[in-house]
Amino acid sequence: MFFKKPVNKVDKIESLYHSYGKLLFVVAFEILENQHAAEDAIHETFEILLRGNLEKIAQPESIATRNYLCTICRNVALKLYNKQKRHDLNNTDEIELSPKNVFTPEELVLNKEAVKNVSDAIYHMDIKYREVLLLSRVHKLSITEISEITGLQSETVKKRLQRAKHILKKELERRKSINEKC
């Protein structure tokens, strides 16, 4: 990443946004699962910076800055998620049942178990593999975009993605064989 020396607060914010905006979007979207809510989380993250935390960033290009921004964004996204969850619980009467979202109890149990099984397998994966797998499959980012976000070379991203798929496949096969024995 190339950083020009920020002259004032606005330049510094713009520089940080251009450098870390995509990464912060991924962090927020992973929690909120909604594009507009993720964009709101990024906006609030930069508002927090402007309200007095901008001075804490001495070197915009450092890992510490990246981690600091991700932490702020993650906390903002969690706050928005919890607020939305409370709102959804208060508006349960708005849920509409239609044939497209009505499943048999067996389908619900099987689907829930499959999702939980895959989620658990991904969660227990080494972070370096989990990160590229989620960015690629969940967030639909290209190898180039993942490379930009993570700061890794494209070939490294490709190899980690390949290994992540292999690890996931082996783990799911292992879990399936354990379940068949029971």
C-alpha atoms as a PDB file:
ATOM      1  CA  MET A   1       0.000   0.000   0.000  1.00  0.00           C
ATOM      2  CA  PHE A   2       1.205   3.464  -0.848  1.00  0.00           C
ATOM      3  CA  PHE A   3       0.491   6.201   1.662  1.00  0.00           C
ATOM      4  CA  LYS A   4       0.949   9.879   1.027  1.00  0.00           C
ATOM      5  CA  LYS A   5       1.731  11.952   4.082  1.00  0.00           C
ATOM      6  CA  PRO A   6      -1.612  13.250   5.470  1.00  0.00           C
ATOM      7  CA  VAL A   7      -1.695  17.017   5.861  1.00  0.00           C
ATOM      8  CA  ASN A   8      -4.771  17.357   8.099  1.00  0.00           C
ATOM      9  CA  LYS A   9      -7.542  15.289   9.698  1.00  0.00           C
ATOM     10  CA  VAL A  10      -9.567  15.052   6.495  1.00  0.00           C
ATOM     11  CA  ASP A  11      -6.570  13.853   4.486  1.00  0.00           C
ATOM     12  CA  LYS A  12      -5.699  11.351   7.190  1.00  0.00           C
ATOM     13  CA  ILE A  13      -9.272   9.989   7.285  1.00  0.00           C
ATOM     14  CA  GLU A  14      -9.376   9.746   3.477  1.00  0.00           C
ATOM     15  CA  SER A  15      -6.042   7.957   3.441  1.00  0.00           C
ATOM     16  CA  LEU A  16      -7.220   5.475   6.085  1.00  0.00           C
ATOM     17  CA  TYR A  17     -10.524   4.924   4.278  1.00  0.00           C
ATOM     18  CA  HIS A  18      -8.870   4.232   0.936  1.00  0.00           C
ATOM     19  CA  SER A  19      -6.376   1.882   2.568  1.00  0.00           C
ATOM     20  CA  TYR A  20      -8.640  -0.040   4.929  1.00  0.00           C
ATOM     21  CA  GLY A  21     -12.208   0.528   3.675  1.00  0.00           C
ATOM     22  CA  LYS A  22     -12.551  -2.890   2.010  1.00  0.00           C
ATOM     23  CA  LEU A  23     -11.101  -4.695   5.008  1.00  0.00           C
ATOM     24  CA  LEU A  24     -13.431  -2.871   7.397  1.00  0.00           C
ATOM     25  CA  PHE A  25     -16.367  -3.723   5.136  1.00  0.00           C
ATOM     26  CA  VAL A  26     -15.470  -7.407   5.340  1.00  0.00           C
ATOM     27  CA  VAL A  27     -15.155  -7.226   9.130  1.00  0.00           C
ATOM     28  CA  ALA A  28     -18.540  -5.512   9.496  1.00  0.00           C
ATOM     29  CA  PHE A  29     -20.310  -7.632   6.871  1.00  0.00           C
ATOM     30  CA  GLU A  30     -19.151 -10.841   8.529  1.00  0.00           C
ATOM     31  CA  ILE A  31     -21.046  -9.802  11.650  1.00  0.00           C
ATOM     32  CA  LEU A  32     -24.024  -7.950  10.182  1.00  0.00           C
ATOM     33  CA  GLU A  33     -24.594  -9.915   6.950  1.00  0.00           C
ATOM     34  CA  ASN A  34     -26.110  -6.806   5.380  1.00  0.00           C
ATOM     35  CA  GLN A  35     -24.354  -4.440   2.985  1.00  0.00           C
ATOM     36  CA  HIS A  36     -26.069  -1.257   4.170  1.00  0.00           C
ATOM     37  CA  ALA A  37     -25.550  -2.073   7.842  1.00  0.00           C
ATOM     38  CA  ALA A  38     -21.870  -2.840   7.151  1.00  0.00           C
ATOM     39  CA  GLU A  39     -21.492   0.523   5.417  1.00  0.00           C
ATOM     40  CA  ASP A  40     -23.130   2.192   8.442  1.00  0.00           C
ATOM     41  CA  ALA A  41     -20.628   0.442  10.710  1.00  0.00           C
ATOM     42  CA  ILE A  42     -17.719   1.757   8.635  1.00  0.00           C
ATOM     43  CA  HIS A  43     -19.178   5.259   8.730  1.00  0.00           C
ATOM     44  CA  GLU A  44     -19.544   5.110  12.506  1.00  0.00           C
ATOM     45  CA  THR A  45     -15.994   3.751  12.808  1.00  0.00           C
ATOM     46  CA  PHE A  46     -14.622   6.840  11.109  1.00  0.00           C
ATOM     47  CA  GLU A  47     -16.885   9.088  13.175  1.00  0.00           C
ATOM     48  CA  ILE A  48     -15.331   7.570  16.293  1.00  0.00           C
ATOM     49  CA  LEU A  49     -11.903   8.345  14.888  1.00  0.00           C
ATOM     50  CA  LEU A  50     -12.887  11.944  14.214  1.00  0.00           C
ATOM     51  CA  ARG A  51     -14.280  12.378  17.738  1.00  0.00           C
ATOM     52  CA  GLY A  52     -10.846  12.114  19.270  1.00  0.00           C
ATOM     53  CA  ASN A  53      -9.173   8.832  18.420  1.00  0.00           C
ATOM     54  CA  LEU A  54      -7.410   9.967  15.259  1.00  0.00           C
ATOM     55  CA  GLU A  55      -4.378  11.125  17.247  1.00  0.00           C
ATOM     56  CA  LYS A  56      -3.798   7.533  18.362  1.00  0.00           C
ATOM     57  CA  ILE A  57      -2.828   6.662  14.798  1.00  0.00           C
ATOM     58  CA  ALA A  58       0.771   7.672  14.305  1.00  0.00           C
ATOM     59  CA  GLN A  59       1.623   5.445  11.344  1.00  0.00           C
ATOM     60  CA  PRO A  60      -1.299   4.795   8.961  1.00  0.00           C
ATOM     61  CA  GLU A  61       0.521   1.951   7.200  1.00  0.00           C
ATOM     62  CA  SER A  62       1.266  -0.111  10.315  1.00  0.00           C
ATOM     63  CA  ILE A  63      -0.234  -3.417  11.403  1.00  0.00           C
ATOM     64  CA  ALA A  64      -1.171  -1.747  14.694  1.00  0.00           C
ATOM     65  CA  THR A  65      -3.331   0.771  12.799  1.00  0.00           C
ATOM     66  CA  ARG A  66      -4.999  -2.005  10.823  1.00  0.00           C
ATOM     67  CA  ASN A  67      -5.749  -3.933  14.015  1.00  0.00           C
ATOM     68  CA  TYR A  68      -6.971  -0.793  15.796  1.00  0.00           C
ATOM     69  CA  LEU A  69      -9.400   0.075  12.981  1.00  0.00           C
ATOM     70  CA  CYS A  70     -10.639  -3.519  12.767  1.00  0.00           C
ATOM     71  CA  THR A  71     -11.260  -3.575  16.520  1.00  0.00           C
ATOM     72  CA  ILE A  72     -13.261  -0.355  16.416  1.00  0.00           C
ATOM     73  CA  CYS A  73     -15.248  -1.572  13.398  1.00  0.00           C
ATOM     74  CA  ARG A  74     -15.892  -4.983  14.966  1.00  0.00           C
ATOM     75  CA  ASN A  75     -17.186  -3.359  18.167  1.00  0.00           C
ATOM     76  CA  VAL A  76     -19.424  -0.978  16.208  1.00  0.00           C
ATOM     77  CA  ALA A  77     -20.770  -3.853  14.103  1.00  0.00           C
ATOM     78  CA  LEU A  78     -21.503  -5.925  17.213  1.00  0.00           C
ATOM     79  CA  LYS A  79     -23.329  -2.976  18.749  1.00  0.00           C
ATOM     80  CA  LEU A  80     -25.425  -2.557  15.589  1.00  0.00           C
ATOM     81  CA  TYR A  81     -26.069  -6.304  15.424  1.00  0.00           C
ATOM     82  CA  ASN A  82     -27.307  -6.430  19.008  1.00  0.00           C
ATOM     83  CA  LYS A  83     -29.491  -3.377  18.438  1.00  0.00           C
ATOM     84  CA  GLN A  84     -30.989  -4.975  15.310  1.00  0.00           C
ATOM     85  CA  LYS A  85     -31.523  -8.271  17.111  1.00  0.00           C
ATOM     86  CA  ARG A  86     -33.460  -6.508  19.895  1.00  0.00           C
ATOM     87  CA  HIS A  87     -35.529  -4.716  17.240  1.00  0.00           C
ATOM     88  CA  ASP A  88     -36.261  -7.990  15.436  1.00  0.00           C
ATOM     89  CA  LEU A  89     -37.381  -9.666  18.655  1.00  0.00           C
ATOM     90  CA  ASN A  90     -39.840  -6.836  19.276  1.00  0.00           C
ATOM     91  CA  ASN A  91     -41.311  -7.175  15.772  1.00  0.00           C
ATOM     92  CA  THR A  92     -41.939 -10.924  15.548  1.00  0.00           C
ATOM     93  CA  ASP A  93     -45.507 -10.299  14.401  1.00  0.00           C
ATOM     94  CA  GLU A  94     -44.134  -9.065  11.063  1.00  0.00           C
ATOM     95  CA  ILE A  95     -42.796 -12.498  10.078  1.00  0.00           C
ATOM     96  CA  GLU A  96     -44.603 -13.722   7.012  1.00  0.00           C
ATOM     97  CA  LEU A  97     -44.974 -17.433   6.404  1.00  0.00           C
ATOM     98  CA  SER A  98     -45.081 -18.380   2.773  1.00  0.00           C
ATOM     99  CA  PRO A  99     -44.437 -21.655   0.958  1.00  0.00           C
ATOM    100  CA  LYS A 100     -40.879 -20.591   0.114  1.00  0.00           C
ATOM    101  CA  ASN A 101     -39.808 -20.443   3.774  1.00  0.00           C
ATOM    102  CA  VAL A 102     -41.877 -23.255   5.273  1.00  0.00           C
ATOM    103  CA  PHE A 103     -39.946 -26.474   5.761  1.00  0.00           C
ATOM    104  CA  THR A 104     -40.761 -29.803   7.294  1.00  0.00           C
ATOM    105  CA  PRO A 105     -39.293 -30.395  10.760  1.00  0.00           C
ATOM    106  CA  GLU A 106     -36.942 -33.022   9.300  1.00  0.00           C
ATOM    107  CA  GLU A 107     -35.635 -30.564   6.688  1.00  0.00           C
ATOM    108  CA  LEU A 108     -35.077 -27.920   9.345  1.00  0.00           C
ATOM    109  CA  VAL A 109     -33.128 -30.296  11.587  1.00  0.00           C
ATOM    110  CA  LEU A 110     -30.993 -31.677   8.746  1.00  0.00           C
ATOM    111  CA  ASN A 111     -30.249 -28.223   7.362  1.00  0.00           C
ATOM    112  CA  LYS A 112     -29.412 -26.834  10.789  1.00  0.00           C
ATOM    113  CA  GLU A 113     -27.100 -29.777  11.535  1.00  0.00           C
ATOM    114  CA  ALA A 114     -25.331 -29.451   8.171  1.00  0.00           C
ATOM    115  CA  VAL A 115     -24.785 -25.718   8.604  1.00  0.00           C
ATOM    116  CA  LYS A 116     -23.554 -26.211  12.167  1.00  0.00           C
ATOM    117  CA  ASN A 117     -21.218 -28.992  11.056  1.00  0.00           C
ATOM    118  CA  VAL A 118     -19.642 -26.870   8.294  1.00  0.00           C
ATOM    119  CA  SER A 119     -19.476 -23.789  10.551  1.00  0.00           C
ATOM    120  CA  ASP A 120     -17.760 -25.749  13.318  1.00  0.00           C
ATOM    121  CA  ALA A 121     -15.259 -27.239  10.877  1.00  0.00           C
ATOM    122  CA  ILE A 122     -14.422 -23.780   9.511  1.00  0.00           C
ATOM    123  CA  TYR A 123     -14.245 -22.253  12.994  1.00  0.00           C
ATOM    124  CA  HIS A 124     -11.707 -24.846  14.150  1.00  0.00           C
ATOM    125  CA  MET A 125      -9.540 -24.271  11.077  1.00  0.00           C
ATOM    126  CA  ASP A 126      -6.284 -22.321  11.442  1.00  0.00           C
ATOM    127  CA  ILE A 127      -7.037 -18.579  11.120  1.00  0.00           C
ATOM    128  CA  LYS A 128      -4.833 -18.118   8.048  1.00  0.00           C
ATOM    129  CA  TYR A 129      -6.926 -20.663   6.128  1.00  0.00           C
ATOM    130  CA  ARG A 130     -10.270 -19.659   7.625  1.00  0.00           C
ATOM    131  CA  GLU A 131      -9.723 -16.008   6.682  1.00  0.00           C
ATOM    132  CA  VAL A 132      -9.138 -16.615   2.958  1.00  0.00           C
ATOM    133  CA  LEU A 133     -11.915 -19.218   2.785  1.00  0.00           C
ATOM    134  CA  LEU A 134     -14.482 -16.838   4.293  1.00  0.00           C
ATOM    135  CA  LEU A 135     -13.355 -13.919   2.154  1.00  0.00           C
ATOM    136  CA  SER A 136     -13.589 -16.063  -0.974  1.00  0.00           C
ATOM    137  CA  ARG A 137     -16.723 -18.117  -0.382  1.00  0.00           C
ATOM    138  CA  VAL A 138     -18.858 -16.052   1.976  1.00  0.00           C
ATOM    139  CA  HIS A 139     -17.931 -12.549   0.838  1.00  0.00           C
ATOM    140  CA  LYS A 140     -17.397 -13.528  -2.805  1.00  0.00           C
ATOM    141  CA  LEU A 141     -14.099 -11.643  -3.124  1.00  0.00           C
ATOM    142  CA  SER A 142     -11.615 -12.379  -5.886  1.00  0.00           C
ATOM    143  CA  ILE A 143      -8.063 -13.574  -5.285  1.00  0.00           C
ATOM    144  CA  THR A 144      -6.821 -10.066  -6.121  1.00  0.00           C
ATOM    145  CA  GLU A 145      -9.195  -8.422  -3.633  1.00  0.00           C
ATOM    146  CA  ILE A 146      -8.249 -10.907  -0.910  1.00  0.00           C
ATOM    147  CA  SER A 147      -4.609 -10.237  -1.671  1.00  0.00           C
ATOM    148  CA  GLU A 148      -5.147  -6.484  -1.261  1.00  0.00           C
ATOM    149  CA  ILE A 149      -7.089  -6.874   1.987  1.00  0.00           C
ATOM    150  CA  THR A 150      -4.716  -9.325   3.633  1.00  0.00           C
ATOM    151  CA  GLY A 151      -1.486  -7.924   2.242  1.00  0.00           C
ATOM    152  CA  LEU A 152      -0.515 -11.364   0.917  1.00  0.00           C
ATOM    153  CA  GLN A 153       0.699 -12.187  -2.562  1.00  0.00           C
ATOM    154  CA  SER A 154      -1.898 -13.624  -4.944  1.00  0.00           C
ATOM    155  CA  GLU A 155      -0.099 -16.965  -5.163  1.00  0.00           C
ATOM    156  CA  THR A 156      -0.088 -17.239  -1.363  1.00  0.00           C
ATOM    157  CA  VAL A 157      -3.825 -16.527  -1.263  1.00  0.00           C
ATOM    158  CA  LYS A 158      -4.471 -19.181  -3.949  1.00  0.00           C
ATOM    159  CA  LYS A 159      -2.422 -21.776  -2.074  1.00  0.00           C
ATOM    160  CA  ARG A 160      -4.090 -21.011   1.273  1.00  0.00           C
ATOM    161  CA  LEU A 161      -7.524 -21.221  -0.342  1.00  0.00           C
ATOM    162  CA  GLN A 162      -6.618 -24.556  -1.905  1.00  0.00           C
ATOM    163  CA  ARG A 163      -5.359 -25.862   1.444  1.00  0.00           C
ATOM    164  CA  ALA A 164      -8.415 -24.516   3.274  1.00  0.00           C
ATOM    165  CA  LYS A 165     -10.743 -26.398   0.917  1.00  0.00           C
ATOM    166  CA  HIS A 166      -8.718 -29.569   1.377  1.00  0.00           C
ATOM    167  CA  ILE A 167      -8.702 -29.215   5.182  1.00  0.00           C
ATOM    168  CA  LEU A 168     -12.451 -28.552   5.205  1.00  0.00           C
ATOM    169  CA  LYS A 169     -13.173 -31.539   2.967  1.00  0.00           C
ATOM    170  CA  LYS A 170     -11.071 -33.885   5.142  1.00  0.00           C
ATOM    171  CA  GLU A 171     -12.656 -32.591   8.362  1.00  0.00           C
ATOM    172  CA  LEU A 172     -16.194 -33.006   7.006  1.00  0.00           C
ATOM    173  CA  GLU A 173     -15.374 -36.537   5.822  1.00  0.00           C
ATOM    174  CA  ARG A 174     -13.953 -37.339   9.269  1.00  0.00           C
ATOM    175  CA  ARG A 175     -17.078 -36.022  10.988  1.00  0.00           C
ATOM    176  CA  LYS A 176     -19.317 -37.957   8.599  1.00  0.00           C
ATOM    177  CA  SER A 177     -17.512 -41.231   9.317  1.00  0.00           C
ATOM    178  CA  ILE A 178     -17.796 -40.611  13.077  1.00  0.00           C
ATOM    179  CA  ASN A 179     -21.542 -39.956  12.741  1.00  0.00           C
ATOM    180  CA  GLU A 180     -22.035 -43.107  10.662  1.00  0.00           C
ATOM    181  CA  LYS A 181     -20.378 -45.210  13.371  1.00  0.00           C
ATOM    182  CA  CYS A 182     -22.770 -43.885  16.032  1.00  0.00           C
END
